[in-house]
C-alpha atoms as a PDB file:
ATOM      1  CA  UNK A   1      -0.304  -0.092   0.063  1.00  0.00           C
ATOM      2  CA  UNK A   2       1.366   3.084  -1.351  1.00  0.00           C
ATOM      3  CA  UNK A   3       1.808   5.872   1.673  1.00  0.00           C
ATOM      4  CA  UNK A   4       4.282   8.060  -0.124  1.00  0.00           C
ATOM      5  CA  UNK A   5       1.893  11.226  -1.198  1.00  0.00           C
ATOM      6  CA  UNK A   6       2.456  13.761   1.403  1.00  0.00           C
ATOM      7  CA  UNK A   7      -0.864  15.849   0.633  1.00  0.00           C
ATOM      8  CA  UNK A   8      -4.053  14.805  -0.318  1.00  0.00           C
ATOM      9  CA  UNK A   9      -5.061  15.112  -3.959  1.00  0.00           C
ATOM     10  CA  UNK A  10      -7.546  17.574  -3.554  1.00  0.00           C
ATOM     11  CA  UNK A  11      -8.633  17.397  -7.592  1.00  0.00           C
ATOM     12  CA  UNK A  12      -8.857  13.345  -7.637  1.00  0.00           C
ATOM     13  CA  UNK A  13     -11.107  13.545  -3.692  1.00  0.00           C
ATOM     14  CA  UNK A  14     -13.605  16.236  -5.218  1.00  0.00           C
ATOM     15  CA  UNK A  15     -14.181  14.749  -8.631  1.00  0.00           C
ATOM     16  CA  UNK A  16     -14.767  11.530  -6.723  1.00  0.00           C
ATOM     17  CA  UNK A  17     -17.192  12.607  -3.947  1.00  0.00           C
ATOM     18  CA  UNK A  18     -18.766  14.342  -7.325  1.00  0.00           C
ATOM     19  CA  UNK A  19     -19.443  11.471  -8.832  1.00  0.00           C
ATOM     20  CA  UNK A  20     -20.112   9.293  -6.144  1.00  0.00           C
ATOM     21  CA  UNK A  21     -22.982  11.452  -5.044  1.00  0.00           C
ATOM     22  CA  UNK A  22     -24.690  13.129  -8.037  1.00  0.00           C
ATOM     23  CA  UNK A  23     -25.268   9.439 -10.081  1.00  0.00           C
ATOM     24  CA  UNK A  24     -26.674   7.914  -6.783  1.00  0.00           C
ATOM     25  CA  UNK A  25     -28.699  10.900  -5.977  1.00  0.00           C
ATOM     26  CA  UNK A  26     -30.305  11.013  -9.579  1.00  0.00           C
ATOM     27  CA  UNK A  27     -31.106   7.270  -8.863  1.00  0.00           C
ATOM     28  CA  UNK A  28     -33.568   8.356  -6.361  1.00  0.00           C
ATOM     29  CA  UNK A  29     -35.359  10.132  -8.215  1.00  0.00           C
ATOM     30  CA  UNK A  30     -38.343   8.050  -9.127  1.00  0.00           C
ATOM     31  CA  UNK A  31     -38.547   7.086  -5.189  1.00  0.00           C
ATOM     32  CA  UNK A  32     -39.927  10.783  -4.881  1.00  0.00           C
ATOM     33  CA  UNK A  33     -41.602  10.997  -8.351  1.00  0.00           C
ATOM     34  CA  UNK A  34     -43.698   7.895  -7.985  1.00  0.00           C
ATOM     35  CA  UNK A  35     -44.565   9.637  -4.376  1.00  0.00           C
ATOM     36  CA  UNK A  36     -44.073   5.920  -2.969  1.00  0.00           C
ATOM     37  CA  UNK A  37     -40.548   6.674  -1.387  1.00  0.00           C
ATOM     38  CA  UNK A  38     -38.848   2.929  -0.238  1.00  0.00           C
ATOM     39  CA  UNK A  39     -41.932   1.365  -0.611  1.00  0.00           C
ATOM     40  CA  UNK A  40     -42.007   1.449  -4.287  1.00  0.00           C
ATOM     41  CA  UNK A  41     -41.273  -2.285  -5.703  1.00  0.00           C
ATOM     42  CA  UNK A  42     -38.338  -0.772  -7.421  1.00  0.00           C
ATOM     43  CA  UNK A  43     -36.872   0.517  -4.401  1.00  0.00           C
ATOM     44  CA  UNK A  44     -34.572  -2.348  -3.269  1.00  0.00           C
ATOM     45  CA  UNK A  45     -32.934  -2.419  -6.777  1.00  0.00           C
ATOM     46  CA  UNK A  46     -32.369   1.473  -6.829  1.00  0.00           C
ATOM     47  CA  UNK A  47     -30.813   1.068  -3.499  1.00  0.00           C
ATOM     48  CA  UNK A  48     -28.135  -1.685  -5.321  1.00  0.00           C
ATOM     49  CA  UNK A  49     -27.411   0.600  -8.339  1.00  0.00           C
ATOM     50  CA  UNK A  50     -26.921   3.312  -5.864  1.00  0.00           C
ATOM     51  CA  UNK A  51     -24.263   1.261  -4.021  1.00  0.00           C
ATOM     52  CA  UNK A  52     -22.264   0.956  -6.799  1.00  0.00           C
ATOM     53  CA  UNK A  53     -21.802   4.370  -7.204  1.00  0.00           C
ATOM     54  CA  UNK A  54     -19.081   4.641  -5.229  1.00  0.00           C
ATOM     55  CA  UNK A  55     -16.943   2.235  -7.225  1.00  0.00           C
ATOM     56  CA  UNK A  56     -17.595   4.002 -10.297  1.00  0.00           C
ATOM     57  CA  UNK A  57     -16.378   7.234  -9.169  1.00  0.00           C
ATOM     58  CA  UNK A  58     -13.265   5.371  -7.885  1.00  0.00           C
ATOM     59  CA  UNK A  59     -12.655   3.678 -10.747  1.00  0.00           C
ATOM     60  CA  UNK A  60     -13.145   6.798 -13.205  1.00  0.00           C
ATOM     61  CA  UNK A  61     -10.717   9.076 -11.018  1.00  0.00           C
ATOM     62  CA  UNK A  62      -7.958   6.345 -10.706  1.00  0.00           C
ATOM     63  CA  UNK A  63      -8.051   5.681 -14.323  1.00  0.00           C
ATOM     64  CA  UNK A  64      -9.219   8.930 -16.231  1.00  0.00           C
ATOM     65  CA  UNK A  65      -9.323  12.153 -13.921  1.00  0.00           C
ATOM     66  CA  UNK A  66      -6.239  11.405 -11.565  1.00  0.00           C
ATOM     67  CA  UNK A  67      -4.644   8.375 -13.031  1.00  0.00           C
ATOM     68  CA  UNK A  68      -2.054   6.318 -11.408  1.00  0.00           C
ATOM     69  CA  UNK A  69       0.133   3.485 -12.795  1.00  0.00           C
ATOM     70  CA  UNK A  70      -1.572   0.753 -10.937  1.00  0.00           C
ATOM     71  CA  UNK A  71      -5.255   1.298 -10.522  1.00  0.00           C
ATOM     72  CA  UNK A  72      -6.424  -2.494  -8.896  1.00  0.00           C
ATOM     73  CA  UNK A  73      -3.351  -2.528  -6.477  1.00  0.00           C
ATOM     74  CA  UNK A  74      -3.924   1.098  -5.787  1.00  0.00           C
ATOM     75  CA  UNK A  75      -7.890   0.172  -4.561  1.00  0.00           C
ATOM     76  CA  UNK A  76      -6.925  -2.823  -3.008  1.00  0.00           C
ATOM     77  CA  UNK A  77      -8.173  -5.343  -5.606  1.00  0.00           C
ATOM     78  CA  UNK A  78      -5.003  -6.601  -5.629  1.00  0.00           C
ATOM     79  CA  UNK A  79      -2.500  -6.670  -2.938  1.00  0.00           C
ATOM     80  CA  UNK A  80       1.106  -8.094  -2.211  1.00  0.00           C
ATOM     81  CA  UNK A  81       1.291 -11.689  -1.493  1.00  0.00           C
ATOM     82  CA  UNK A  82      -2.519 -12.024  -2.877  1.00  0.00           C
ATOM     83  CA  UNK A  83      -5.181 -13.955  -0.350  1.00  0.00           C
ATOM     84  CA  UNK A  84      -2.520 -15.915   1.783  1.00  0.00           C
ATOM     85  CA  UNK A  85      -2.045 -12.014   3.602  1.00  0.00           C
ATOM     86  CA  UNK A  86      -5.598 -10.912   3.854  1.00  0.00           C
ATOM     87  CA  UNK A  87      -7.329 -14.517   4.706  1.00  0.00           C
ATOM     88  CA  UNK A  88      -7.294 -13.763   8.276  1.00  0.00           C
ATOM     89  CA  UNK A  89      -8.879 -10.655   8.038  1.00  0.00           C
ATOM     90  CA  UNK A  90     -11.620 -12.020   5.763  1.00  0.00           C
ATOM     91  CA  UNK A  91     -11.971 -14.408   8.584  1.00  0.00           C
ATOM     92  CA  UNK A  92     -12.661 -11.833  11.430  1.00  0.00           C
ATOM     93  CA  UNK A  93     -14.610  -9.695   8.696  1.00  0.00           C
ATOM     94  CA  UNK A  94     -17.091 -12.948   8.108  1.00  0.00           C
ATOM     95  CA  UNK A  95     -17.292 -13.492  11.950  1.00  0.00           C
ATOM     96  CA  UNK A  96     -17.074 -10.743  13.479  1.00  0.00           C
ATOM     97  CA  UNK A  97     -20.378  -8.501  12.559  1.00  0.00           C
ATOM     98  CA  UNK A  98     -22.387 -11.470  12.902  1.00  0.00           C
ATOM     99  CA  UNK A  99     -21.193 -11.688  16.455  1.00  0.00           C
ATOM    100  CA  UNK A 100     -21.038  -7.490  17.226  1.00  0.00           C
ATOM    101  CA  UNK A 101     -24.421  -7.346  16.039  1.00  0.00           C
ATOM    102  CA  UNK A 102     -26.115  -9.248  19.052  1.00  0.00           C
ATOM    103  CA  UNK A 103     -23.212  -7.886  21.928  1.00  0.00           C
ATOM    104  CA  UNK A 104     -24.772  -4.320  20.412  1.00  0.00           C
ATOM    105  CA  UNK A 105     -28.591  -6.128  21.460  1.00  0.00           C
ATOM    106  CA  UNK A 106     -27.461  -7.464  24.729  1.00  0.00           C
ATOM    107  CA  UNK A 107     -25.952  -3.977  25.747  1.00  0.00           C
ATOM    108  CA  UNK A 108     -29.287  -2.303  24.526  1.00  0.00           C
ATOM    109  CA  UNK A 109     -31.153  -4.986  26.573  1.00  0.00           C
ATOM    110  CA  UNK A 110     -28.963  -3.968  29.843  1.00  0.00           C
ATOM    111  CA  UNK A 111     -29.837  -0.439  29.020  1.00  0.00           C
ATOM    112  CA  UNK A 112     -33.313  -1.132  29.160  1.00  0.00           C
ATOM    113  CA  UNK A 113     -34.210   0.149  25.349  1.00  0.00           C
ATOM    114  CA  UNK A 114     -34.340  -3.385  24.151  1.00  0.00           C
ATOM    115  CA  UNK A 115     -36.931  -5.439  24.998  1.00  0.00           C
ATOM    116  CA  UNK A 116     -35.767  -9.254  24.430  1.00  0.00           C
ATOM    117  CA  UNK A 117     -37.105 -12.499  24.221  1.00  0.00           C
ATOM    118  CA  UNK A 118     -33.538 -14.560  24.182  1.00  0.00           C
ATOM    119  CA  UNK A 119     -34.979 -18.096  24.149  1.00  0.00           C
ATOM    120  CA  UNK A 120     -38.793 -17.618  23.041  1.00  0.00           C
ATOM    121  CA  UNK A 121     -37.841 -15.344  19.902  1.00  0.00           C
ATOM    122  CA  UNK A 122     -41.713 -14.473  20.193  1.00  0.00           C
ATOM    123  CA  UNK A 123     -40.973 -11.435  18.120  1.00  0.00           C
ATOM    124  CA  UNK A 124     -39.612 -13.236  15.191  1.00  0.00           C
ATOM    125  CA  UNK A 125     -42.948 -15.481  15.556  1.00  0.00           C
ATOM    126  CA  UNK A 126     -45.462 -12.662  15.769  1.00  0.00           C
ATOM    127  CA  UNK A 127     -43.506 -10.963  12.832  1.00  0.00           C
ATOM    128  CA  UNK A 128     -44.361 -14.273  10.585  1.00  0.00           C
ATOM    129  CA  UNK A 129     -47.887 -14.567  12.104  1.00  0.00           C
ATOM    130  CA  UNK A 130     -50.200 -17.322  12.632  1.00  0.00           C
ATOM    131  CA  UNK A 131     -52.338 -17.856   9.795  1.00  0.00           C
ATOM    132  CA  UNK A 132     -54.980 -18.722  12.306  1.00  0.00           C
ATOM    133  CA  UNK A 133     -56.029 -17.528  15.598  1.00  0.00           C
ATOM    134  CA  UNK A 134     -55.181 -20.305  18.212  1.00  0.00           C
ATOM    135  CA  UNK A 135     -53.415 -22.498  16.114  1.00  0.00           C
ATOM    136  CA  UNK A 136     -50.046 -23.853  16.762  1.00  0.00           C
ATOM    137  CA  UNK A 137     -47.395 -22.263  13.939  1.00  0.00           C
ATOM    138  CA  UNK A 138     -46.143 -24.705  11.039  1.00  0.00           C
ATOM    139  CA  UNK A 139     -42.500 -24.020  12.196  1.00  0.00           C
ATOM    140  CA  UNK A 140     -41.433 -23.238  15.496  1.00  0.00           C
ATOM    141  CA  UNK A 141     -40.310 -20.092  16.701  1.00  0.00           C
ATOM    142  CA  UNK A 142     -37.034 -21.616  17.763  1.00  0.00           C
ATOM    143  CA  UNK A 143     -36.278 -23.105  14.174  1.00  0.00           C
ATOM    144  CA  UNK A 144     -37.332 -19.835  12.599  1.00  0.00           C
ATOM    145  CA  UNK A 145     -34.470 -18.204  14.749  1.00  0.00           C
ATOM    146  CA  UNK A 146     -32.113 -20.659  13.635  1.00  0.00           C
ATOM    147  CA  UNK A 147     -32.821 -20.267  10.099  1.00  0.00           C
ATOM    148  CA  UNK A 148     -32.682 -16.600  10.413  1.00  0.00           C
ATOM    149  CA  UNK A 149     -29.320 -17.025  11.784  1.00  0.00           C
ATOM    150  CA  UNK A 150     -27.993 -19.575   9.873  1.00  0.00           C
ATOM    151  CA  UNK A 151     -28.905 -17.339   6.714  1.00  0.00           C
ATOM    152  CA  UNK A 152     -26.922 -14.354   8.218  1.00  0.00           C
ATOM    153  CA  UNK A 153     -23.765 -16.552   8.293  1.00  0.00           C
ATOM    154  CA  UNK A 154     -24.286 -18.172   4.980  1.00  0.00           C
ATOM    155  CA  UNK A 155     -26.427 -16.197   2.459  1.00  0.00           C
ATOM    156  CA  UNK A 156     -25.121 -13.320   3.751  1.00  0.00           C
ATOM    157  CA  UNK A 157     -22.188 -13.820   0.895  1.00  0.00           C
ATOM    158  CA  UNK A 158     -24.874 -12.763  -1.566  1.00  0.00           C
ATOM    159  CA  UNK A 159     -24.716  -8.847   0.734  1.00  0.00           C
ATOM    160  CA  UNK A 160     -20.911  -9.369   0.082  1.00  0.00           C
ATOM    161  CA  UNK A 161     -21.457  -8.196  -3.822  1.00  0.00           C
ATOM    162  CA  UNK A 162     -23.437  -5.114  -3.462  1.00  0.00           C
ATOM    163  CA  UNK A 163     -21.183  -4.149  -0.320  1.00  0.00           C
ATOM    164  CA  UNK A 164     -17.760  -3.771  -3.407  1.00  0.00           C
ATOM    165  CA  UNK A 165     -19.955  -1.032  -4.964  1.00  0.00           C
ATOM    166  CA  UNK A 166     -19.580   0.833  -1.701  1.00  0.00           C
ATOM    167  CA  UNK A 167     -16.077  -0.010  -0.161  1.00  0.00           C
ATOM    168  CA  UNK A 168     -14.287   0.232  -3.495  1.00  0.00           C
ATOM    169  CA  UNK A 169     -15.084   3.860  -3.162  1.00  0.00           C
ATOM    170  CA  UNK A 170     -15.205   4.699   0.188  1.00  0.00           C
ATOM    171  CA  UNK A 171     -12.253   2.441   1.553  1.00  0.00           C
ATOM    172  CA  UNK A 172     -10.457   1.286  -1.845  1.00  0.00           C
ATOM    173  CA  UNK A 173     -10.021   4.923  -2.857  1.00  0.00           C
ATOM    174  CA  UNK A 174     -10.922   7.195  -0.728  1.00  0.00           C
ATOM    175  CA  UNK A 175      -9.637   6.349   2.802  1.00  0.00           C
ATOM    176  CA  UNK A 176      -6.523   5.608   1.053  1.00  0.00           C
ATOM    177  CA  UNK A 177      -6.469   8.859  -0.729  1.00  0.00           C
ATOM    178  CA  UNK A 178      -7.032  11.113   2.737  1.00  0.00           C
ATOM    179  CA  UNK A 179      -4.369   9.410   4.192  1.00  0.00           C
ATOM    180  CA  UNK A 180      -2.379  12.619   3.814  1.00  0.00           C
ATOM    181  CA  UNK A 181      -4.534  13.888   6.648  1.00  0.00           C
ATOM    182  CA  UNK A 182      -3.082  10.992   9.688  1.00  0.00           C
ATOM    183  CA  UNK A 183      -5.483   8.028   9.820  1.00  0.00           C
ATOM    184  CA  UNK A 184      -7.930   9.980  12.287  1.00  0.00           C
ATOM    185  CA  UNK A 185      -8.434  12.209  10.047  1.00  0.00           C
ATOM    186  CA  UNK A 186      -8.896   9.717   6.856  1.00  0.00           C
ATOM    187  CA  UNK A 187     -11.640   7.598   8.943  1.00  0.00           C
ATOM    188  CA  UNK A 188     -13.449  10.826  10.221  1.00  0.00           C
ATOM    189  CA  UNK A 189     -13.371  12.661   7.160  1.00  0.00           C
ATOM    190  CA  UNK A 190     -14.559   9.399   5.117  1.00  0.00           C
ATOM    191  CA  UNK A 191     -17.370   8.363   7.633  1.00  0.00           C
ATOM    192  CA  UNK A 192     -19.035  11.878   7.215  1.00  0.00           C
ATOM    193  CA  UNK A 193     -19.010  11.927   3.648  1.00  0.00           C
ATOM    194  CA  UNK A 194     -20.451   8.146   3.697  1.00  0.00           C
ATOM    195  CA  UNK A 195     -23.069   9.086   6.140  1.00  0.00           C
ATOM    196  CA  UNK A 196     -24.270  12.017   4.217  1.00  0.00           C
ATOM    197  CA  UNK A 197     -23.752  10.223   0.932  1.00  0.00           C
ATOM    198  CA  UNK A 198     -27.213   8.270   2.457  1.00  0.00           C
ATOM    199  CA  UNK A 199     -29.106  11.874   2.379  1.00  0.00           C
ATOM    200  CA  UNK A 200     -31.918  11.397  -0.245  1.00  0.00           C
ATOM    201  CA  UNK A 201     -32.925   7.739   1.788  1.00  0.00           C
ATOM    202  CA  UNK A 202     -32.593   9.132   4.974  1.00  0.00           C
ATOM    203  CA  UNK A 203     -35.060  11.939   4.347  1.00  0.00           C
ATOM    204  CA  UNK A 204     -37.365   9.113   3.168  1.00  0.00           C
ATOM    205  CA  UNK A 205     -36.908   7.182   5.907  1.00  0.00           C
ATOM    206  CA  UNK A 206     -34.434   4.608   5.663  1.00  0.00           C
ATOM    207  CA  UNK A 207     -32.568   3.670   8.997  1.00  0.00           C
ATOM    208  CA  UNK A 208     -34.235   5.844  11.213  1.00  0.00           C
ATOM    209  CA  UNK A 209     -37.801   6.497  10.487  1.00  0.00           C
ATOM    210  CA  UNK A 210     -39.018   7.587  13.477  1.00  0.00           C
ATOM    211  CA  UNK A 211     -36.446  10.600  13.714  1.00  0.00           C
ATOM    212  CA  UNK A 212     -36.511  14.400  12.419  1.00  0.00           C
ATOM    213  CA  UNK A 213     -34.695  14.467   9.422  1.00  0.00           C
ATOM    214  CA  UNK A 214     -31.347  16.306  10.975  1.00  0.00           C
ATOM    215  CA  UNK A 215     -31.383  14.163  13.526  1.00  0.00           C
ATOM    216  CA  UNK A 216     -31.491  10.793  11.187  1.00  0.00           C
ATOM    217  CA  UNK A 217     -28.172  12.261   9.573  1.00  0.00           C
ATOM    218  CA  UNK A 218     -26.521  12.732  12.449  1.00  0.00           C
ATOM    219  CA  UNK A 219     -26.960   9.401  13.557  1.00  0.00           C
ATOM    220  CA  UNK A 220     -26.120   8.236  10.276  1.00  0.00           C
ATOM    221  CA  UNK A 221     -22.865  10.230  10.313  1.00  0.00           C
ATOM    222  CA  UNK A 222     -21.826   9.000  13.607  1.00  0.00           C
ATOM    223  CA  UNK A 223     -22.859   5.370  12.624  1.00  0.00           C
ATOM    224  CA  UNK A 224     -20.722   5.314   9.053  1.00  0.00           C
ATOM    225  CA  UNK A 225     -17.520   7.248  11.357  1.00  0.00           C
ATOM    226  CA  UNK A 226     -17.424   4.219  13.929  1.00  0.00           C
ATOM    227  CA  UNK A 227     -18.258   1.655  11.837  1.00  0.00           C
ATOM    228  CA  UNK A 228     -15.997   3.521   8.920  1.00  0.00           C
ATOM    229  CA  UNK A 229     -13.356   3.329  11.366  1.00  0.00           C
ATOM    230  CA  UNK A 230     -13.473  -0.310  12.000  1.00  0.00           C
ATOM    231  CA  UNK A 231     -13.696  -1.075   8.236  1.00  0.00           C
ATOM    232  CA  UNK A 232     -10.794   1.624   7.404  1.00  0.00           C
ATOM    233  CA  UNK A 233      -8.409  -0.611   9.846  1.00  0.00           C
ATOM    234  CA  UNK A 234      -9.549  -4.033   7.899  1.00  0.00           C
ATOM    235  CA  UNK A 235      -8.429  -2.257   4.575  1.00  0.00           C
ATOM    236  CA  UNK A 236      -5.434  -0.725   5.637  1.00  0.00           C
ATOM    237  CA  UNK A 237      -3.950  -3.450   8.438  1.00  0.00           C
ATOM    238  CA  UNK A 238      -4.451  -6.186   5.273  1.00  0.00           C
ATOM    239  CA  UNK A 239      -3.859  -3.693   2.947  1.00  0.00           C
ATOM    240  CA  UNK A 240      -6.635  -5.292   0.987  1.00  0.00           C
ATOM    241  CA  UNK A 241     -10.284  -4.238   0.037  1.00  0.00           C
ATOM    242  CA  UNK A 242     -11.690  -7.321   0.417  1.00  0.00           C
ATOM    243  CA  UNK A 243     -12.029  -7.746   4.257  1.00  0.00           C
ATOM    244  CA  UNK A 244     -13.620  -4.416   4.397  1.00  0.00           C
ATOM    245  CA  UNK A 245     -16.105  -5.687   1.329  1.00  0.00           C
ATOM    246  CA  UNK A 246     -16.977  -9.033   3.276  1.00  0.00           C
ATOM    247  CA  UNK A 247     -17.421  -6.945   6.478  1.00  0.00           C
ATOM    248  CA  UNK A 248     -19.862  -4.643   4.825  1.00  0.00           C
ATOM    249  CA  UNK A 249     -21.832  -7.374   3.782  1.00  0.00           C
ATOM    250  CA  UNK A 250     -22.039  -9.082   6.484  1.00  0.00           C
ATOM    251  CA  UNK A 251     -23.446  -6.241   8.525  1.00  0.00           C
ATOM    252  CA  UNK A 252     -25.816  -5.191   5.743  1.00  0.00           C
ATOM    253  CA  UNK A 253     -26.479  -9.271   6.491  1.00  0.00           C
ATOM    254  CA  UNK A 254     -26.129  -9.177  10.758  1.00  0.00           C
ATOM    255  CA  UNK A 255     -29.032  -6.148  10.709  1.00  0.00           C
ATOM    256  CA  UNK A 256     -31.935  -8.380  10.920  1.00  0.00           C
ATOM    257  CA  UNK A 257     -30.882 -10.075  14.016  1.00  0.00           C
ATOM    258  CA  UNK A 258     -32.626  -7.418  16.518  1.00  0.00           C
ATOM    259  CA  UNK A 259     -36.164  -8.925  15.261  1.00  0.00           C
ATOM    260  CA  UNK A 260     -34.914 -12.729  15.717  1.00  0.00           C
ATOM    261  CA  UNK A 261     -34.270 -11.963  19.711  1.00  0.00           C
ATOM    262  CA  UNK A 262     -37.096  -9.352  19.920  1.00  0.00           C
ATOM    263  CA  UNK A 263     -40.046  -9.759  22.246  1.00  0.00           C
ATOM    264  CA  UNK A 264     -43.420  -9.796  20.848  1.00  0.00           C
ATOM    265  CA  UNK A 265     -45.542  -6.547  21.087  1.00  0.00           C
ATOM    266  CA  UNK A 266     -42.240  -4.360  21.074  1.00  0.00           C
ATOM    267  CA  UNK A 267     -40.754  -3.048  17.609  1.00  0.00           C
ATOM    268  CA  UNK A 268     -37.284  -2.850  17.639  1.00  0.00           C
ATOM    269  CA  UNK A 269     -35.763   1.030  16.875  1.00  0.00           C
ATOM    270  CA  UNK A 270     -33.021   1.322  15.152  1.00  0.00           C
ATOM    271  CA  UNK A 271     -32.299   4.741  16.547  1.00  0.00           C
ATOM    272  CA  UNK A 272     -31.341   3.169  20.064  1.00  0.00           C
ATOM    273  CA  UNK A 273     -31.149  -0.412  19.528  1.00  0.00           C
ATOM    274  CA  UNK A 274     -28.490  -2.863  17.543  1.00  0.00           C
ATOM    275  CA  UNK A 275     -25.262  -1.626  15.640  1.00  0.00           C
ATOM    276  CA  UNK A 276     -27.171   1.234  13.967  1.00  0.00           C
ATOM    277  CA  UNK A 277     -28.608   2.851  17.133  1.00  0.00           C
ATOM    278  CA  UNK A 278     -26.690   4.525  20.248  1.00  0.00           C
ATOM    279  CA  UNK A 279     -26.867   1.532  22.567  1.00  0.00           C
ATOM    280  CA  UNK A 280     -24.938  -0.037  20.036  1.00  0.00           C
ATOM    281  CA  UNK A 281     -22.621   2.319  19.205  1.00  0.00           C
ATOM    282  CA  UNK A 282     -20.772   1.422  22.346  1.00  0.00           C
ATOM    283  CA  UNK A 283     -19.684  -1.572  20.816  1.00  0.00           C
ATOM    284  CA  UNK A 284     -18.136  -0.119  18.090  1.00  0.00           C
ATOM    285  CA  UNK A 285     -16.068   2.062  20.011  1.00  0.00           C
ATOM    286  CA  UNK A 286     -14.507  -0.743  22.401  1.00  0.00           C
ATOM    287  CA  UNK A 287     -13.916  -2.577  19.525  1.00  0.00           C
ATOM    288  CA  UNK A 288     -11.932   0.612  18.280  1.00  0.00           C
ATOM    289  CA  UNK A 289     -10.437   1.522  21.312  1.00  0.00           C
ATOM    290  CA  UNK A 290      -9.681  -2.766  21.917  1.00  0.00           C
ATOM    291  CA  UNK A 291      -7.531  -1.944  18.775  1.00  0.00           C
ATOM    292  CA  UNK A 292      -5.638   0.987  19.865  1.00  0.00           C
ATOM    293  CA  UNK A 293      -4.966  -0.906  23.063  1.00  0.00           C
ATOM    294  CA  UNK A 294      -3.291  -3.569  21.339  1.00  0.00           C
ATOM    295  CA  UNK A 295      -1.314  -1.408  18.837  1.00  0.00           C
ATOM    296  CA  UNK A 296      -3.408  -2.018  16.101  1.00  0.00           C
ATOM    297  CA  UNK A 297      -4.682   1.068  15.265  1.00  0.00           C
ATOM    298  CA  UNK A 298      -3.513   3.194  13.778  1.00  0.00           C
ATOM    299  CA  UNK A 299      -2.123   0.786  11.234  1.00  0.00           C
ATOM    300  CA  UNK A 300       1.598   1.441  11.030  1.00  0.00           C
ATOM    301  CA  UNK A 301       2.839   0.734   7.052  1.00  0.00           C
ATOM    302  CA  UNK A 302       6.284  -0.768   6.283  1.00  0.00           C
ATOM    303  CA  UNK A 303       8.241   1.632   4.598  1.00  0.00           C
ATOM    304  CA  UNK A 304      11.267   1.263   2.558  1.00  0.00           C
ATOM    305  CA  UNK A 305      14.836   3.117   2.760  1.00  0.00           C
ATOM    306  CA  UNK A 306      17.844   2.562   0.824  1.00  0.00           C
ATOM    307  CA  UNK A 307      20.610   0.877   2.283  1.00  0.00           C
ATOM    308  CA  UNK A 308      24.159   0.826   2.437  1.00  0.00           C
ATOM    309  CA  UNK A 309      24.799  -0.028  -1.232  1.00  0.00           C
ATOM    310  CA  UNK A 310      23.182   0.383  -4.382  1.00  0.00           C
ATOM    311  CA  UNK A 311      19.973  -2.040  -4.813  1.00  0.00           C
ATOM    312  CA  UNK A 312      19.766  -3.200  -1.110  1.00  0.00           C
ATOM    313  CA  UNK A 313      16.354  -2.148   1.099  1.00  0.00           C
ATOM    314  CA  UNK A 314      16.033  -1.923   4.315  1.00  0.00           C
ATOM    315  CA  UNK A 315      12.431  -2.313   5.618  1.00  0.00           C
ATOM    316  CA  UNK A 316      11.316   0.052   8.438  1.00  0.00           C
ATOM    317  CA  UNK A 317       8.149   0.596  10.490  1.00  0.00           C
ATOM    318  CA  UNK A 318       6.483   3.694  10.831  1.00  0.00           C
END
């Protein structure tokens, strides 16, 4: 991973933000024009297409606006050593989000903002509903829960595909491009821009439908900054974008676990519950703190310096 640049490529970054934002926001126009918002039948497709705009922006910028000699290497699609170097981080990315999500629910439960039915899964059963009042459900709540959890760990890989669209841009390009600001500055700036990028769908009620618009914006920026720091760590530490892609996909896959463990009659509120909610941010902040305490964050990059004789390099850490 190159860390040679000592200042931000302003033209590249501004171009990236413009290309990532404008087409994505234009894609949401049908949601407004139909008057149906996120309930429109084609809304899921719009959201998926929107997710690929940061990738388009990253490729356009690195190929034509601020050309780089090794586009794939610069975006983290390829890396020195290949998958052998980043597979341990991919394992963390796969298992981490499905484990962090229930931990966030537990914190919410202890703080009294999440009403849980940890073993009865009554909220999940309520969501599926019984076809006849008083009749035994065709599938037991426990089996429903097991199926949902298994789907997170297995079918969650399908979520990795659209996650590639976002991560190739936000972590593959932007975090790397902002490293001259320092890693905290790069993570913070990327998180803010990533959060505000969701503006058109946030206004329509995405993620935080019960909150005033301004508060929803603040919540999304805070969430994206915290999660983006962890995704940024995966990107920089592995020297590859793929662990961040996998983690993003499984974060999305694990979002429904709040319903799995909920109590009947108590809808899940994203504003206070789960990783999206303020109680879940405690878990995200603690994970960041652990990385700092273990000396894993900020990430230290190997640097090459000239040796005593020509053609000899000495590797140092910085």
